[in-house]
Amino acid sequence: MLEIVSAPNPVLSQKAKPIAKIDKGILSLIEEMKKSLESAADPVGVGLAAPQVGRALKIFIAKPSLKAKPSVFINPRIISQKKKLSKAASNAGEPESAGRRTRKLEGCLSLPNIWGEVLRYNEANVEFEDETGKKHNKKFKGFLATIIQHEIDHLNGILFTKRVLEQNGTLYKSEKDEKGQDVFEEIKI
């Protein structure tokens, strides 16, 4: 199992390099990343990019639920994003021009206890390879589309906090109260 690095580790701000060949070393890295993601207990991890384990390579895994099998994305590239107005966005009081994306509270295993609202597209069409080297071009929706956008940001050296600040959003720090429940406090910037 690989250690998940935390900000301000410089690998988190580097652009990841493409994978030229899926060999035993890459497959081993993927298996270790899966173990690291599975062991991330609090918060529960739903995605992990290679830079988060100290490797500036274009690989990430996504696991949108506890029972889901991890999906592997090698050399992923977003082909298009759909600006579909969702109920969550309209309920969030977003202006109509920005309301075509969904604002959700995001966290990151490399930024423990930091959260923020990020405006993300509801759908993303992604080109990628799986661990067998097979090429895919698939459309993802909802929570999985959000995870994919977050992880591709990691591959581009971008942490979600940058997106929050670009969108004039709010960052929060979480702590556990005496009952073990998360309590969020706004971070003043």
N, C-alpha and C. Protein backbone atom coordinates (compact mmCIF):
# COMPACT_ATOMS: atom_id res chain seq x y z
N MET A 1 0.85 -1.18 0.00
CA MET A 1 0.00 0.00 0.00
C MET A 1 0.89 1.24 0.00
N LEU A 2 0.50 2.23 -0.79
CA LEU A 2 1.26 3.46 -0.93
C LEU A 2 0.70 4.54 -0.02
N GLU A 3 1.58 5.39 0.49
CA GLU A 3 1.16 6.50 1.33
C GLU A 3 0.57 7.61 0.46
N ILE A 4 -0.55 8.15 0.90
CA ILE A 4 -1.17 9.27 0.19
C ILE A 4 -0.48 10.55 0.65
N VAL A 5 0.04 11.32 -0.31
CA VAL A 5 0.77 12.54 0.02
C VAL A 5 -0.23 13.68 0.23
N SER A 6 0.17 14.62 1.08
CA SER A 6 -0.67 15.77 1.39
C SER A 6 -0.05 17.04 0.83
N ALA A 7 -0.92 18.01 0.55
CA ALA A 7 -0.44 19.33 0.15
C ALA A 7 0.37 19.90 1.31
N PRO A 8 1.46 20.57 1.05
CA PRO A 8 1.92 21.16 -0.21
C PRO A 8 2.95 20.33 -0.98
N ASN A 9 2.90 19.02 -0.94
CA ASN A 9 3.86 18.20 -1.67
C ASN A 9 3.89 18.66 -3.13
N PRO A 10 5.09 18.96 -3.67
CA PRO A 10 5.19 19.51 -5.02
C PRO A 10 4.64 18.62 -6.13
N VAL A 11 4.58 17.31 -5.94
CA VAL A 11 4.05 16.42 -6.99
C VAL A 11 2.58 16.73 -7.28
N LEU A 12 1.88 17.29 -6.29
CA LEU A 12 0.46 17.60 -6.47
C LEU A 12 0.22 18.79 -7.40
N SER A 13 1.26 19.58 -7.65
CA SER A 13 1.11 20.73 -8.55
C SER A 13 1.80 20.51 -9.90
N GLN A 14 2.29 19.30 -10.15
CA GLN A 14 2.93 18.98 -11.43
C GLN A 14 1.91 18.42 -12.41
N LYS A 15 2.17 18.64 -13.70
CA LYS A 15 1.37 17.97 -14.73
C LYS A 15 1.88 16.55 -14.85
N ALA A 16 0.97 15.60 -14.84
CA ALA A 16 1.34 14.19 -14.93
C ALA A 16 1.78 13.84 -16.35
N LYS A 17 2.65 12.84 -16.44
CA LYS A 17 3.16 12.39 -17.74
C LYS A 17 2.31 11.23 -18.26
N PRO A 18 2.10 11.18 -19.58
CA PRO A 18 1.34 10.07 -20.16
C PRO A 18 2.06 8.73 -19.98
N ILE A 19 1.29 7.67 -19.96
CA ILE A 19 1.82 6.32 -19.87
C ILE A 19 2.04 5.82 -21.29
N ALA A 20 3.29 5.51 -21.63
CA ALA A 20 3.61 5.04 -22.98
C ALA A 20 3.29 3.55 -23.12
N LYS A 21 3.54 2.78 -22.06
CA LYS A 21 3.34 1.34 -22.11
C LYS A 21 2.81 0.85 -20.77
N ILE A 22 1.79 0.03 -20.82
CA ILE A 22 1.23 -0.54 -19.59
C ILE A 22 2.00 -1.84 -19.32
N ASP A 23 2.97 -1.74 -18.41
CA ASP A 23 3.82 -2.88 -18.10
C ASP A 23 3.57 -3.36 -16.67
N LYS A 24 4.39 -4.29 -16.21
CA LYS A 24 4.22 -4.84 -14.85
C LYS A 24 4.33 -3.75 -13.79
N GLY A 25 5.22 -2.80 -14.00
CA GLY A 25 5.37 -1.71 -13.04
C GLY A 25 4.12 -0.86 -12.92
N ILE A 26 3.49 -0.55 -14.04
CA ILE A 26 2.24 0.24 -14.04
C ILE A 26 1.11 -0.57 -13.41
N LEU A 27 1.02 -1.85 -13.76
CA LEU A 27 -0.03 -2.69 -13.17
C LEU A 27 0.14 -2.83 -11.66
N SER A 28 1.39 -2.92 -11.22
CA SER A 28 1.67 -2.98 -9.78
C SER A 28 1.27 -1.68 -9.10
N LEU A 29 1.59 -0.56 -9.73
CA LEU A 29 1.21 0.76 -9.20
C LEU A 29 -0.31 0.84 -9.05
N ILE A 30 -1.04 0.39 -10.06
CA ILE A 30 -2.51 0.42 -10.02
C ILE A 30 -3.04 -0.41 -8.85
N GLU A 31 -2.49 -1.60 -8.66
CA GLU A 31 -2.94 -2.46 -7.55
C GLU A 31 -2.66 -1.81 -6.20
N GLU A 32 -1.51 -1.18 -6.06
CA GLU A 32 -1.17 -0.49 -4.81
C GLU A 32 -2.07 0.73 -4.60
N MET A 33 -2.41 1.43 -5.68
CA MET A 33 -3.33 2.56 -5.57
C MET A 33 -4.70 2.10 -5.11
N LYS A 34 -5.16 0.97 -5.62
CA LYS A 34 -6.46 0.42 -5.20
C LYS A 34 -6.43 0.13 -3.69
N LYS A 35 -5.35 -0.46 -3.21
CA LYS A 35 -5.23 -0.75 -1.77
C LYS A 35 -5.23 0.54 -0.96
N SER A 36 -4.51 1.55 -1.45
CA SER A 36 -4.45 2.83 -0.73
C SER A 36 -5.82 3.48 -0.68
N LEU A 37 -6.57 3.42 -1.78
CA LEU A 37 -7.91 4.00 -1.81
C LEU A 37 -8.84 3.24 -0.86
N GLU A 38 -8.75 1.93 -0.87
CA GLU A 38 -9.60 1.11 0.02
C GLU A 38 -9.32 1.40 1.50
N SER A 39 -8.07 1.71 1.81
CA SER A 39 -7.71 1.91 3.22
C SER A 39 -8.02 3.32 3.71
N ALA A 40 -8.34 4.23 2.80
CA ALA A 40 -8.66 5.61 3.19
C ALA A 40 -10.02 5.60 3.88
N ALA A 41 -10.00 5.63 5.20
CA ALA A 41 -11.23 5.45 5.97
C ALA A 41 -11.99 6.74 6.23
N ASP A 42 -11.32 7.82 6.52
CA ASP A 42 -12.02 9.03 6.92
C ASP A 42 -11.30 10.25 6.37
N PRO A 43 -11.79 10.89 5.31
CA PRO A 43 -13.04 10.54 4.65
C PRO A 43 -12.86 9.33 3.76
N VAL A 44 -13.96 8.69 3.44
CA VAL A 44 -13.92 7.54 2.54
C VAL A 44 -13.52 8.07 1.16
N GLY A 45 -12.50 7.46 0.58
CA GLY A 45 -12.03 7.90 -0.72
C GLY A 45 -12.87 7.33 -1.84
N VAL A 46 -13.17 8.17 -2.84
CA VAL A 46 -13.93 7.73 -4.01
C VAL A 46 -13.09 7.81 -5.28
N GLY A 47 -11.91 8.38 -5.17
CA GLY A 47 -11.00 8.48 -6.30
C GLY A 47 -9.59 8.72 -5.81
N LEU A 48 -8.63 8.29 -6.63
CA LEU A 48 -7.22 8.49 -6.28
C LEU A 48 -6.41 8.59 -7.56
N ALA A 49 -5.66 9.67 -7.69
CA ALA A 49 -4.79 9.88 -8.85
C ALA A 49 -3.35 9.55 -8.47
N ALA A 50 -2.58 9.09 -9.45
CA ALA A 50 -1.19 8.72 -9.21
C ALA A 50 -0.39 9.83 -8.52
N PRO A 51 -0.57 11.11 -8.87
CA PRO A 51 0.18 12.15 -8.14
C PRO A 51 -0.08 12.13 -6.63
N GLN A 52 -1.24 11.65 -6.22
CA GLN A 52 -1.57 11.59 -4.79
C GLN A 52 -0.78 10.52 -4.04
N VAL A 53 -0.12 9.65 -4.77
CA VAL A 53 0.77 8.66 -4.15
C VAL A 53 2.21 8.92 -4.58
N GLY A 54 2.47 10.16 -5.00
CA GLY A 54 3.83 10.59 -5.30
C GLY A 54 4.33 10.28 -6.69
N ARG A 55 3.46 9.86 -7.60
CA ARG A 55 3.87 9.50 -8.96
C ARG A 55 3.16 10.42 -9.96
N ALA A 56 3.90 11.23 -10.69
CA ALA A 56 3.32 12.17 -11.66
C ALA A 56 3.04 11.46 -12.97
N LEU A 57 2.09 10.53 -12.94
CA LEU A 57 1.70 9.74 -14.10
C LEU A 57 0.20 9.87 -14.34
N LYS A 58 -0.23 9.78 -15.60
CA LYS A 58 -1.64 9.96 -15.95
C LYS A 58 -2.45 8.69 -15.71
N ILE A 59 -2.69 8.43 -14.44
CA ILE A 59 -3.51 7.29 -14.01
C ILE A 59 -4.38 7.75 -12.85
N PHE A 60 -5.63 7.33 -12.85
CA PHE A 60 -6.43 7.47 -11.64
C PHE A 60 -7.41 6.32 -11.56
N ILE A 61 -7.91 6.10 -10.35
CA ILE A 61 -8.95 5.11 -10.14
C ILE A 61 -10.14 5.81 -9.50
N ALA A 62 -11.32 5.31 -9.82
CA ALA A 62 -12.56 5.88 -9.28
C ALA A 62 -13.40 4.75 -8.72
N LYS A 63 -13.99 5.02 -7.55
CA LYS A 63 -14.85 4.04 -6.88
C LYS A 63 -15.98 4.83 -6.21
N PRO A 64 -17.07 5.08 -6.96
CA PRO A 64 -18.11 5.98 -6.46
C PRO A 64 -18.94 5.50 -5.28
N SER A 65 -18.83 4.21 -4.93
CA SER A 65 -19.55 3.72 -3.76
C SER A 65 -18.74 2.60 -3.11
N LEU A 66 -19.08 2.28 -1.87
CA LEU A 66 -18.35 1.24 -1.15
C LEU A 66 -18.40 -0.11 -1.87
N LYS A 67 -19.52 -0.41 -2.52
CA LYS A 67 -19.68 -1.71 -3.17
C LYS A 67 -19.19 -1.72 -4.61
N ALA A 68 -18.88 -0.55 -5.18
CA ALA A 68 -18.46 -0.47 -6.57
C ALA A 68 -17.06 -1.06 -6.75
N LYS A 69 -16.84 -1.65 -7.91
CA LYS A 69 -15.51 -2.13 -8.28
C LYS A 69 -14.73 -0.90 -8.78
N PRO A 70 -13.47 -0.74 -8.36
CA PRO A 70 -12.70 0.42 -8.83
C PRO A 70 -12.52 0.39 -10.35
N SER A 71 -12.71 1.54 -10.98
CA SER A 71 -12.48 1.70 -12.41
C SER A 71 -11.13 2.37 -12.60
N VAL A 72 -10.36 1.89 -13.57
CA VAL A 72 -9.02 2.41 -13.84
C VAL A 72 -9.06 3.27 -15.11
N PHE A 73 -8.46 4.45 -15.03
CA PHE A 73 -8.38 5.38 -16.15
C PHE A 73 -6.91 5.70 -16.40
N ILE A 74 -6.42 5.32 -17.57
CA ILE A 74 -5.03 5.60 -17.95
C ILE A 74 -5.07 6.57 -19.12
N ASN A 75 -4.23 7.61 -19.05
CA ASN A 75 -4.17 8.66 -20.07
C ASN A 75 -5.55 9.23 -20.39
N PRO A 76 -6.34 9.57 -19.35
CA PRO A 76 -7.70 10.07 -19.61
C PRO A 76 -7.68 11.48 -20.19
N ARG A 77 -8.71 11.74 -20.99
CA ARG A 77 -8.86 13.06 -21.59
C ARG A 77 -10.35 13.34 -21.73
N ILE A 78 -10.78 14.49 -21.23
CA ILE A 78 -12.18 14.87 -21.38
C ILE A 78 -12.37 15.39 -22.79
N ILE A 79 -13.28 14.74 -23.53
CA ILE A 79 -13.58 15.11 -24.91
C ILE A 79 -14.62 16.22 -24.94
N SER A 80 -15.65 16.08 -24.10
CA SER A 80 -16.69 17.10 -24.02
C SER A 80 -17.36 17.00 -22.66
N GLN A 81 -17.99 18.11 -22.29
CA GLN A 81 -18.75 18.17 -21.04
C GLN A 81 -20.11 18.74 -21.36
N LYS A 82 -21.12 18.18 -20.75
CA LYS A 82 -22.49 18.59 -21.02
C LYS A 82 -22.95 19.55 -19.92
N LYS A 83 -23.50 20.68 -20.35
CA LYS A 83 -23.98 21.69 -19.41
C LYS A 83 -25.47 21.50 -19.15
N LYS A 84 -25.80 20.38 -18.57
CA LYS A 84 -27.20 20.06 -18.31
C LYS A 84 -27.63 20.65 -16.97
N LEU A 85 -28.69 21.45 -16.99
CA LEU A 85 -29.21 22.02 -15.76
C LEU A 85 -29.75 20.91 -14.89
N SER A 86 -29.31 20.87 -13.64
CA SER A 86 -29.78 19.81 -12.75
C SER A 86 -30.58 20.43 -11.61
N LYS A 87 -31.36 19.61 -10.98
CA LYS A 87 -32.17 20.04 -9.84
C LYS A 87 -31.28 20.58 -8.73
N ALA A 88 -30.14 19.91 -8.51
CA ALA A 88 -29.23 20.33 -7.44
C ALA A 88 -28.73 21.75 -7.70
N ALA A 89 -28.42 22.07 -8.95
CA ALA A 89 -27.92 23.41 -9.27
C ALA A 89 -29.01 24.45 -9.10
N SER A 90 -30.24 24.14 -9.56
CA SER A 90 -31.30 25.12 -9.46
C SER A 90 -31.71 25.34 -8.00
N ASN A 91 -31.59 24.31 -7.19
CA ASN A 91 -31.91 24.46 -5.77
C ASN A 91 -30.83 25.20 -5.01
N ALA A 92 -29.61 25.26 -5.58
CA ALA A 92 -28.50 25.91 -4.90
C ALA A 92 -28.54 27.43 -5.07
N GLY A 93 -29.49 27.94 -5.85
CA GLY A 93 -29.60 29.37 -6.02
C GLY A 93 -28.53 29.94 -6.94
N GLU A 94 -28.00 29.11 -7.84
CA GLU A 94 -27.00 29.59 -8.78
C GLU A 94 -27.66 30.48 -9.82
N PRO A 95 -26.94 31.47 -10.32
CA PRO A 95 -27.48 32.28 -11.42
C PRO A 95 -27.72 31.38 -12.64
N GLU A 96 -28.66 31.74 -13.49
CA GLU A 96 -29.01 30.92 -14.65
C GLU A 96 -27.80 30.61 -15.52
N SER A 97 -26.91 31.59 -15.74
CA SER A 97 -25.76 31.35 -16.61
C SER A 97 -24.81 30.32 -16.01
N ALA A 98 -24.67 30.28 -14.71
CA ALA A 98 -23.78 29.31 -14.07
C ALA A 98 -24.54 28.06 -13.66
N GLY A 99 -25.87 28.10 -13.68
CA GLY A 99 -26.68 27.00 -13.20
C GLY A 99 -26.69 25.78 -14.10
N ARG A 100 -25.89 25.78 -15.13
CA ARG A 100 -25.83 24.63 -16.02
C ARG A 100 -24.86 23.58 -15.50
N ARG A 101 -24.21 23.87 -14.41
CA ARG A 101 -23.32 22.91 -13.77
C ARG A 101 -23.80 22.72 -12.34
N THR A 102 -23.35 21.65 -11.71
CA THR A 102 -23.81 21.33 -10.36
C THR A 102 -22.73 21.68 -9.35
N ARG A 103 -23.11 22.40 -8.30
CA ARG A 103 -22.17 22.75 -7.24
C ARG A 103 -22.32 21.71 -6.14
N LYS A 104 -21.20 21.06 -5.80
CA LYS A 104 -21.22 20.02 -4.77
C LYS A 104 -20.05 20.24 -3.83
N LEU A 105 -20.21 19.81 -2.59
CA LEU A 105 -19.15 19.89 -1.61
C LEU A 105 -18.14 18.79 -1.91
N GLU A 106 -16.90 19.17 -2.16
CA GLU A 106 -15.84 18.21 -2.47
C GLU A 106 -14.80 18.22 -1.38
N GLY A 107 -14.14 17.08 -1.25
CA GLY A 107 -13.00 16.93 -0.38
C GLY A 107 -11.91 16.23 -1.15
N CYS A 108 -10.78 16.00 -0.49
CA CYS A 108 -9.66 15.36 -1.17
C CYS A 108 -8.80 14.65 -0.14
N LEU A 109 -8.37 13.44 -0.49
CA LEU A 109 -7.52 12.67 0.42
C LEU A 109 -6.17 13.36 0.66
N SER A 110 -5.75 14.23 -0.26
CA SER A 110 -4.49 14.95 -0.10
C SER A 110 -4.66 16.27 0.66
N LEU A 111 -5.89 16.62 0.99
CA LEU A 111 -6.20 17.81 1.79
C LEU A 111 -7.17 17.41 2.89
N PRO A 112 -6.68 16.64 3.86
CA PRO A 112 -7.58 16.12 4.90
C PRO A 112 -8.35 17.23 5.62
N ASN A 113 -9.64 16.99 5.81
CA ASN A 113 -10.53 17.88 6.58
C ASN A 113 -10.78 19.23 5.93
N ILE A 114 -10.47 19.37 4.62
CA ILE A 114 -10.78 20.60 3.90
C ILE A 114 -11.84 20.27 2.86
N TRP A 115 -12.85 21.13 2.78
CA TRP A 115 -13.99 20.90 1.89
C TRP A 115 -14.34 22.19 1.18
N GLY A 116 -15.00 22.09 0.05
CA GLY A 116 -15.43 23.29 -0.65
C GLY A 116 -16.46 22.97 -1.71
N GLU A 117 -17.24 24.00 -2.05
CA GLU A 117 -18.23 23.85 -3.10
C GLU A 117 -17.55 24.07 -4.44
N VAL A 118 -17.71 23.12 -5.36
CA VAL A 118 -17.11 23.22 -6.68
C VAL A 118 -18.20 23.03 -7.72
N LEU A 119 -18.23 23.92 -8.69
CA LEU A 119 -19.16 23.82 -9.78
C LEU A 119 -18.56 22.87 -10.82
N ARG A 120 -19.22 21.75 -11.08
CA ARG A 120 -18.75 20.73 -12.03
C ARG A 120 -19.86 20.43 -13.04
N TYR A 121 -19.43 20.00 -14.21
CA TYR A 121 -20.40 19.57 -15.23
C TYR A 121 -21.06 18.26 -14.79
N ASN A 122 -22.33 18.08 -15.16
CA ASN A 122 -23.08 16.87 -14.80
C ASN A 122 -22.71 15.68 -15.65
N GLU A 123 -22.21 15.93 -16.86
CA GLU A 123 -21.84 14.85 -17.76
C GLU A 123 -20.47 15.14 -18.37
N ALA A 124 -19.69 14.09 -18.56
CA ALA A 124 -18.38 14.23 -19.20
C ALA A 124 -18.15 13.03 -20.11
N ASN A 125 -17.76 13.32 -21.34
CA ASN A 125 -17.39 12.27 -22.28
C ASN A 125 -15.86 12.15 -22.20
N VAL A 126 -15.37 10.95 -21.87
CA VAL A 126 -13.95 10.76 -21.57
C VAL A 126 -13.36 9.68 -22.45
N GLU A 127 -12.17 9.98 -22.97
CA GLU A 127 -11.38 9.01 -23.72
C GLU A 127 -10.27 8.53 -22.78
N PHE A 128 -10.07 7.21 -22.68
CA PHE A 128 -9.06 6.68 -21.76
C PHE A 128 -8.74 5.24 -22.13
N GLU A 129 -7.72 4.71 -21.49
CA GLU A 129 -7.38 3.29 -21.62
C GLU A 129 -7.62 2.65 -20.26
N ASP A 130 -7.98 1.35 -20.29
CA ASP A 130 -8.07 0.61 -19.04
C ASP A 130 -6.74 -0.12 -18.79
N GLU A 131 -6.68 -0.91 -17.73
CA GLU A 131 -5.40 -1.55 -17.37
C GLU A 131 -4.97 -2.63 -18.36
N THR A 132 -5.87 -3.05 -19.26
CA THR A 132 -5.49 -4.02 -20.29
C THR A 132 -4.97 -3.32 -21.54
N GLY A 133 -5.06 -2.00 -21.58
CA GLY A 133 -4.63 -1.23 -22.74
C GLY A 133 -5.75 -0.95 -23.72
N LYS A 134 -6.96 -1.45 -23.42
CA LYS A 134 -8.10 -1.21 -24.30
C LYS A 134 -8.53 0.25 -24.22
N LYS A 135 -8.75 0.86 -25.39
CA LYS A 135 -9.18 2.26 -25.45
C LYS A 135 -10.70 2.34 -25.32
N HIS A 136 -11.14 3.37 -24.61
CA HIS A 136 -12.57 3.59 -24.40
C HIS A 136 -12.89 5.05 -24.69
N ASN A 137 -14.12 5.28 -25.10
CA ASN A 137 -14.68 6.62 -25.22
C ASN A 137 -16.08 6.50 -24.63
N LYS A 138 -16.24 6.97 -23.37
CA LYS A 138 -17.50 6.76 -22.64
C LYS A 138 -18.03 8.06 -22.06
N LYS A 139 -19.35 8.08 -21.91
CA LYS A 139 -20.03 9.20 -21.27
C LYS A 139 -20.31 8.81 -19.82
N PHE A 140 -19.96 9.70 -18.91
CA PHE A 140 -20.21 9.49 -17.48
C PHE A 140 -21.12 10.61 -16.99
N LYS A 141 -22.00 10.26 -16.04
CA LYS A 141 -22.96 11.23 -15.51
C LYS A 141 -22.90 11.27 -13.99
N GLY A 142 -23.45 12.33 -13.43
CA GLY A 142 -23.64 12.44 -12.00
C GLY A 142 -22.36 12.40 -11.18
N PHE A 143 -22.42 11.67 -10.08
CA PHE A 143 -21.32 11.63 -9.12
C PHE A 143 -20.03 11.12 -9.76
N LEU A 144 -20.12 10.10 -10.62
CA LEU A 144 -18.92 9.57 -11.27
C LEU A 144 -18.30 10.62 -12.19
N ALA A 145 -19.12 11.41 -12.87
CA ALA A 145 -18.59 12.50 -13.70
C ALA A 145 -17.85 13.53 -12.84
N THR A 146 -18.37 13.79 -11.65
CA THR A 146 -17.70 14.72 -10.73
C THR A 146 -16.35 14.16 -10.29
N ILE A 147 -16.32 12.88 -9.93
CA ILE A 147 -15.06 12.24 -9.51
C ILE A 147 -14.04 12.34 -10.63
N ILE A 148 -14.46 12.02 -11.85
CA ILE A 148 -13.55 12.04 -12.99
C ILE A 148 -12.97 13.43 -13.21
N GLN A 149 -13.80 14.46 -13.14
CA GLN A 149 -13.30 15.83 -13.32
C GLN A 149 -12.31 16.20 -12.22
N HIS A 150 -12.60 15.80 -10.99
CA HIS A 150 -11.70 16.06 -9.85
C HIS A 150 -10.36 15.38 -10.07
N GLU A 151 -10.39 14.10 -10.48
CA GLU A 151 -9.14 13.34 -10.66
C GLU A 151 -8.34 13.83 -11.87
N ILE A 152 -9.01 14.21 -12.94
CA ILE A 152 -8.29 14.76 -14.09
C ILE A 152 -7.65 16.09 -13.71
N ASP A 153 -8.30 16.87 -12.85
CA ASP A 153 -7.65 18.08 -12.32
C ASP A 153 -6.34 17.70 -11.63
N HIS A 154 -6.34 16.64 -10.83
CA HIS A 154 -5.10 16.19 -10.18
C HIS A 154 -4.02 15.92 -11.22
N LEU A 155 -4.38 15.27 -12.32
CA LEU A 155 -3.39 14.94 -13.35
C LEU A 155 -2.84 16.19 -14.03
N ASN A 156 -3.57 17.29 -13.91
CA ASN A 156 -3.13 18.57 -14.46
C ASN A 156 -2.50 19.47 -13.40
N GLY A 157 -2.27 18.93 -12.20
CA GLY A 157 -1.64 19.70 -11.14
C GLY A 157 -2.56 20.68 -10.45
N ILE A 158 -3.85 20.43 -10.50
CA ILE A 158 -4.83 21.36 -9.93
C ILE A 158 -5.56 20.68 -8.77
N LEU A 159 -5.56 21.32 -7.61
CA LEU A 159 -6.33 20.85 -6.45
C LEU A 159 -7.70 21.51 -6.47
N PHE A 160 -8.69 20.85 -5.88
CA PHE A 160 -10.06 21.38 -5.90
C PHE A 160 -10.15 22.74 -5.24
N THR A 161 -9.26 23.05 -4.31
CA THR A 161 -9.30 24.35 -3.63
C THR A 161 -9.10 25.50 -4.63
N LYS A 162 -8.30 25.26 -5.66
CA LYS A 162 -8.11 26.28 -6.70
C LYS A 162 -9.43 26.53 -7.42
N ARG A 163 -10.18 25.46 -7.71
CA ARG A 163 -11.48 25.60 -8.37
C ARG A 163 -12.45 26.39 -7.47
N VAL A 164 -12.43 26.10 -6.18
CA VAL A 164 -13.31 26.81 -5.24
C VAL A 164 -12.99 28.31 -5.29
N LEU A 165 -11.72 28.65 -5.22
CA LEU A 165 -11.33 30.06 -5.22
C LEU A 165 -11.63 30.74 -6.56
N GLU A 166 -11.41 30.04 -7.68
CA GLU A 166 -11.74 30.59 -9.01
C GLU A 166 -13.22 30.91 -9.12
N GLN A 167 -14.05 30.11 -8.47
CA GLN A 167 -15.50 30.26 -8.56
C GLN A 167 -16.07 31.10 -7.41
N ASN A 168 -15.18 31.74 -6.66
CA ASN A 168 -15.59 32.57 -5.53
C ASN A 168 -16.44 31.80 -4.53
N GLY A 169 -16.09 30.53 -4.34
CA GLY A 169 -16.82 29.68 -3.41
C GLY A 169 -16.25 29.78 -2.00
N THR A 170 -16.73 28.91 -1.15
CA THR A 170 -16.35 28.90 0.25
C THR A 170 -15.61 27.61 0.57
N LEU A 171 -14.55 27.72 1.34
CA LEU A 171 -13.81 26.56 1.84
C LEU A 171 -14.20 26.34 3.30
N TYR A 172 -14.22 25.06 3.70
CA TYR A 172 -14.57 24.69 5.07
C TYR A 172 -13.52 23.74 5.63
N LYS A 173 -13.37 23.81 6.94
CA LYS A 173 -12.54 22.85 7.67
C LYS A 173 -13.51 22.02 8.50
N SER A 174 -13.29 20.70 8.49
CA SER A 174 -14.18 19.85 9.29
C SER A 174 -13.44 19.28 10.49
N GLU A 175 -14.19 19.12 11.54
CA GLU A 175 -13.70 18.48 12.77
C GLU A 175 -14.82 17.60 13.29
N LYS A 176 -14.46 16.64 14.12
CA LYS A 176 -15.47 15.78 14.73
C LYS A 176 -15.91 16.40 16.05
N ASP A 177 -17.23 16.38 16.31
CA ASP A 177 -17.72 16.84 17.60
C ASP A 177 -17.68 15.68 18.59
N GLU A 178 -18.18 15.91 19.79
CA GLU A 178 -18.12 14.89 20.84
C GLU A 178 -18.93 13.63 20.49
N LYS A 179 -19.86 13.73 19.54
CA LYS A 179 -20.65 12.57 19.10
C LYS A 179 -20.04 11.88 17.88
N GLY A 180 -18.88 12.40 17.40
CA GLY A 180 -18.24 11.82 16.23
C GLY A 180 -18.82 12.30 14.91
N GLN A 181 -19.67 13.33 14.95
CA GLN A 181 -20.26 13.89 13.74
C GLN A 181 -19.36 14.98 13.19
N ASP A 182 -19.34 15.12 11.86
CA ASP A 182 -18.56 16.19 11.23
C ASP A 182 -19.21 17.54 11.48
N VAL A 183 -18.39 18.51 11.86
CA VAL A 183 -18.82 19.88 12.03
C VAL A 183 -17.96 20.72 11.10
N PHE A 184 -18.62 21.54 10.28
CA PHE A 184 -17.90 22.33 9.28
C PHE A 184 -17.81 23.79 9.72
N GLU A 185 -16.63 24.35 9.60
CA GLU A 185 -16.41 25.76 9.93
C GLU A 185 -15.81 26.45 8.70
N GLU A 186 -16.37 27.57 8.33
CA GLU A 186 -15.89 28.30 7.17
C GLU A 186 -14.46 28.78 7.40
N ILE A 187 -13.64 28.66 6.36
CA ILE A 187 -12.26 29.16 6.40
C ILE A 187 -12.29 30.56 5.80
N LYS A 188 -11.86 31.53 6.57
CA LYS A 188 -11.82 32.92 6.11
C LYS A 188 -10.52 33.13 5.32
N ILE A 189 -10.68 33.62 4.09
CA ILE A 189 -9.51 33.85 3.23
C ILE A 189 -9.35 35.32 2.95
